[in-house]
Protein backbone atom coordinates (compact mmCIF):
# COMPACT_ATOMS: atom_id res chain seq x y z
CA MET A 1 120.78 59.07 99.66
CA SER A 2 122.42 62.33 100.64
CA ARG A 3 123.15 62.94 104.40
CA LEU A 4 121.93 66.84 103.88
CA LYS A 5 118.55 65.44 103.75
CA LYS A 6 118.62 64.75 107.25
CA ARG A 7 119.34 67.94 108.26
CA SER A 8 117.02 70.70 109.49
CA ARG A 9 115.06 73.25 107.84
CA LEU A 10 117.09 75.91 109.61
CA THR A 11 120.42 74.03 109.20
CA ARG A 12 119.74 73.84 105.59
CA LEU A 13 118.81 77.45 105.25
CA ALA A 14 122.59 77.87 107.21
CA ASP A 15 124.11 75.20 104.17
CA PHE A 16 122.08 77.29 101.59
CA LEU A 17 123.75 80.94 102.64
CA PHE A 18 127.62 79.46 103.15
CA GLU A 19 126.71 78.17 99.18
CA CYS A 20 125.45 81.82 98.11
CA GLY A 21 128.83 82.66 99.80
CA MET A 22 130.82 80.49 96.97
CA LEU A 23 129.84 83.01 94.54
CA ARG A 24 132.09 85.90 95.43
CA LYS A 25 134.91 82.83 95.29
CA THR A 26 133.54 81.88 91.83
CA PRO A 27 135.39 84.44 89.06
CA ARG A 28 133.37 85.42 85.77
CA THR A 29 136.10 83.10 83.17
CA GLY A 30 135.48 85.27 79.55
CA TYR A 31 137.58 87.96 81.05
CA GLN A 32 141.37 85.82 80.57
CA PHE A 33 140.26 86.37 76.88
CA LEU A 34 139.63 90.05 76.72
CA GLY A 35 142.80 90.11 78.57
CA THR A 36 141.52 93.12 81.10
CA GLY A 37 138.78 93.32 83.49
CA ALA A 38 137.60 90.65 86.44
CA GLU A 39 134.81 89.93 88.48
CA ASN A 40 133.06 87.00 90.53
CA VAL A 41 129.96 85.87 89.88
CA ALA A 42 128.30 87.23 93.22
CA GLU A 43 129.07 90.83 91.93
CA HIS A 44 127.73 90.45 88.59
CA SER A 45 124.75 89.46 90.34
CA PHE A 46 123.96 92.36 92.38
CA ARG A 47 124.60 94.62 90.16
CA THR A 48 122.01 93.01 86.86
CA ALA A 49 119.62 92.93 90.17
CA VAL A 50 120.20 96.03 90.25
CA ILE A 51 119.88 96.81 86.44
CA GLY A 52 116.77 94.33 86.50
CA PHE A 53 114.69 97.01 88.89
CA VAL A 54 115.89 99.68 86.84
CA LEU A 55 114.28 98.23 83.21
CA ALA A 56 111.38 96.74 85.39
CA GLN A 57 110.56 100.75 86.71
CA MET A 58 111.38 101.66 82.83
CA ALA A 59 109.14 99.23 81.23
CA GLY A 60 106.32 99.72 84.07
CA ALA A 61 106.53 95.97 84.50
CA ASP A 62 106.75 94.22 87.86
CA LYS A 63 110.30 95.41 89.74
CA GLN A 64 110.53 92.56 92.27
CA ARG A 65 110.02 89.72 90.38
CA THR A 66 112.31 90.94 87.71
CA ALA A 67 115.01 91.95 90.23
CA MET A 68 114.71 88.93 91.91
CA MET A 69 115.22 86.73 88.59
CA CYS A 70 118.10 88.51 88.07
CA LEU A 71 119.44 87.69 91.69
CA PHE A 72 119.22 84.11 91.62
CA HIS A 73 119.86 83.41 88.07
CA ASP A 74 123.68 82.31 88.57
CA LEU A 75 122.87 81.07 91.15
CA HIS A 76 123.76 77.31 90.08
CA GLU A 77 127.20 78.72 89.59
CA ALA A 78 128.26 78.08 92.82
CA ARG A 79 127.92 74.80 91.94
CA THR A 80 128.84 74.74 88.30
CA GLY A 81 131.21 77.40 87.83
CA ASP A 82 130.77 79.26 85.21
CA PHE A 83 131.13 79.06 81.28
CA ASN A 84 132.75 81.35 79.19
CA TYR A 85 131.29 81.36 75.58
CA VAL A 86 134.71 79.61 74.64
CA ALA A 87 133.91 76.77 77.22
CA HIS A 88 130.53 76.39 76.39
CA GLN A 89 131.17 74.65 72.90
CA TYR A 90 132.52 71.52 74.73
CA ASN A 91 130.66 71.47 77.95
CA THR A 92 127.11 71.58 79.43
CA SER A 93 125.89 71.48 82.90
CA GLN A 94 122.72 70.64 84.41
CA ARG A 95 121.91 74.21 85.94
CA THR A 96 118.37 73.56 86.65
CA ARG A 97 119.69 70.40 88.84
CA ALA A 98 121.80 72.12 90.63
CA LEU A 99 119.96 74.93 91.80
CA ALA A 100 117.44 72.42 92.83
CA ASP A 101 119.86 70.69 95.33
CA ALA A 102 120.87 74.20 96.34
CA LEU A 103 117.43 74.99 97.68
CA SER A 104 116.72 71.28 98.55
CA GLY A 105 115.21 71.31 102.24
CA THR A 106 115.32 74.84 102.45
CA GLY A 107 111.64 75.71 101.78
CA LEU A 108 112.87 78.34 99.19
CA GLY A 109 112.26 76.07 96.25
CA GLU A 110 108.67 76.91 95.63
CA ALA A 111 109.38 80.85 95.63
CA ILE A 112 112.26 80.68 93.76
CA MET A 113 112.66 77.51 90.83
CA PRO A 114 109.20 78.99 89.34
CA LEU A 115 111.51 82.31 88.67
CA TRP A 116 114.47 80.35 87.11
CA GLU A 117 111.47 78.50 84.78
CA GLU A 118 110.21 81.57 84.15
CA LEU A 119 113.53 83.30 83.19
CA LYS A 120 114.79 80.40 80.99
CA GLN A 121 111.38 80.24 79.09
CA THR A 122 111.64 84.21 78.28
CA GLU A 123 108.23 84.64 77.77
CA SER A 124 107.04 87.02 79.90
CA GLU A 125 108.14 90.80 79.97
CA GLU A 126 110.05 90.61 83.23
CA ALA A 127 112.14 87.46 82.24
CA ARG A 128 112.90 89.46 79.17
CA LEU A 129 114.21 92.40 80.77
CA ALA A 130 116.21 90.27 83.24
CA GLN A 131 117.77 88.50 80.65
CA ASP A 132 118.35 92.26 78.94
CA ALA A 133 119.62 92.93 82.89
CA ASP A 134 122.57 90.11 82.19
CA GLN A 135 123.81 91.93 78.96
CA LEU A 136 123.54 94.86 80.09
CA ASP A 137 126.06 94.07 83.17
CA LEU A 138 128.64 93.15 80.88
CA MET A 139 127.99 95.80 78.82
CA LEU A 140 128.91 98.33 81.95
CA ASN A 141 131.98 96.21 82.29
CA LEU A 142 133.32 96.37 78.91
CA LYS A 143 132.35 99.72 78.27
CA GLU A 144 134.67 100.32 81.22
CA GLN A 145 137.29 98.21 79.51
CA ALA A 146 137.10 99.99 76.45
CA ASP A 147 137.40 103.70 77.79
CA LEU A 148 140.90 102.17 79.40
CA GLY A 149 142.55 101.17 76.04
CA ASN A 150 140.93 97.84 75.80
CA ARG A 151 140.35 97.73 71.97
CA TYR A 152 138.92 94.50 71.69
CA ALA A 153 136.34 95.16 74.38
CA ASP A 154 134.70 97.30 71.85
CA LYS A 155 134.05 94.02 69.19
CA TRP A 156 132.57 92.66 71.97
CA LEU A 157 130.25 95.61 73.57
CA ALA A 158 128.74 94.94 69.42
CA ALA A 159 128.62 91.45 69.79
CA ALA A 160 126.63 92.36 73.63
CA ALA A 161 124.49 95.11 72.02
CA LYS A 162 123.08 92.83 69.68
CA ARG A 163 121.85 90.49 71.96
CA ILE A 164 119.42 93.40 73.93
CA ARG A 165 115.75 92.13 73.44
CA THR A 166 113.74 95.01 74.82
CA PRO A 167 113.11 98.72 73.99
CA GLN A 168 114.04 99.55 77.42
CA GLY A 169 117.39 97.82 77.53
CA GLN A 170 118.33 98.54 73.80
CA GLU A 171 117.18 102.77 74.91
CA LEU A 172 119.48 101.49 78.53
CA ALA A 173 122.51 100.34 76.04
CA LYS A 174 122.55 103.16 73.70
CA ALA A 175 123.28 105.61 76.89
CA VAL A 176 125.78 102.97 78.37
CA LEU A 177 127.65 103.14 75.15
CA GLU A 178 127.84 106.77 75.03
CA THR A 179 128.57 107.67 78.69
CA ASP A 180 131.97 107.78 79.88
CA HIS A 181 132.48 105.15 82.75
CA THR A 182 134.42 107.88 85.28
CA ASP A 183 131.61 110.65 84.66
CA TRP A 184 129.27 110.22 87.82
CA TRP A 185 132.29 111.09 89.88
CA PHE A 186 134.50 112.93 87.40
CA LEU A 187 131.84 115.55 86.93
CA GLY A 188 130.07 115.61 90.62
CA PRO A 189 132.53 118.57 92.22
CA ASP A 190 132.13 121.71 90.60
CA GLN A 191 134.48 122.43 87.99
CA SER A 192 137.03 124.87 90.23
CA TRP A 193 137.34 121.74 93.17
CA TRP A 194 139.87 120.28 90.46
CA GLU A 195 141.67 123.69 90.16
CA LYS A 196 142.11 124.25 93.67
CA LYS A 197 145.25 121.61 94.41
CA ASN A 198 146.56 121.83 97.60
CA GLY A 199 145.52 125.27 98.67
CA SER A 200 142.88 126.22 101.84
CA ARG A 201 140.04 124.17 102.12
CA THR A 202 138.40 126.81 104.76
CA ASP A 203 136.18 127.83 101.80
CA LEU A 204 134.34 124.20 102.03
CA PRO A 205 130.69 124.88 102.97
CA LYS A 206 130.08 123.47 106.51
CA ILE A 207 127.61 120.47 107.47
CA ALA A 208 125.55 120.44 110.30
CA VAL A 209 125.93 117.28 112.45
CA PRO A 210 122.89 116.71 114.56
CA GLY A 211 123.58 116.84 117.76
CA ALA A 212 127.16 118.56 117.66
CA ALA A 213 125.85 121.81 119.20
CA ASP A 214 124.86 120.20 122.07
CA GLN A 215 127.69 118.05 122.47
CA ASP A 216 129.42 121.85 121.98
CA ALA A 217 127.58 123.51 124.78
CA ASP A 218 128.42 120.69 127.04
CA LYS A 219 132.25 120.99 126.92
CA LYS A 220 131.53 124.58 127.46
């Protein structure tokens, strides 16, 4: 019998949160074949949850349920590690058992395990959106690597795009493929900002800071 079964619920919750932290140290292993790029499972899970929320908003589906499926979809990898597509040809893992063991004694199983089963079955709209979010996060990383000059990333992008299931996922995937990954910050400032180089910055608009006027009055 595992000694963890004798621990209190609060202690098991602390155990669980420490275990979640292991995802920060668990690399996504496919990038070793791509040759560039890197991320850990925690980074992947966060943006996948955001993408799931966005897709559900687009589809008029349950945003919270979709995002929660995404958030926990790779939690088992704290115990099993991440298997890339090559490793999957030779290795298997007991994902459901790993997740159930991680949740044992925490009181979270009744909330999380049904989401896991729904995601695996892929019968609900939210589950299909969550599956697409998983692929779209990969596509976003691949697009960045393609923009940076990795020509193999284009082959991976084409394969990932074929796995998208929902109309909303396909629509967003098209936008990802057509958008430079730097546009969100490079095109933000007015063009003149980039042309000023090292000149005076006195022409920048002043930003009002709450309480600053009162502090200046006190100094006088």
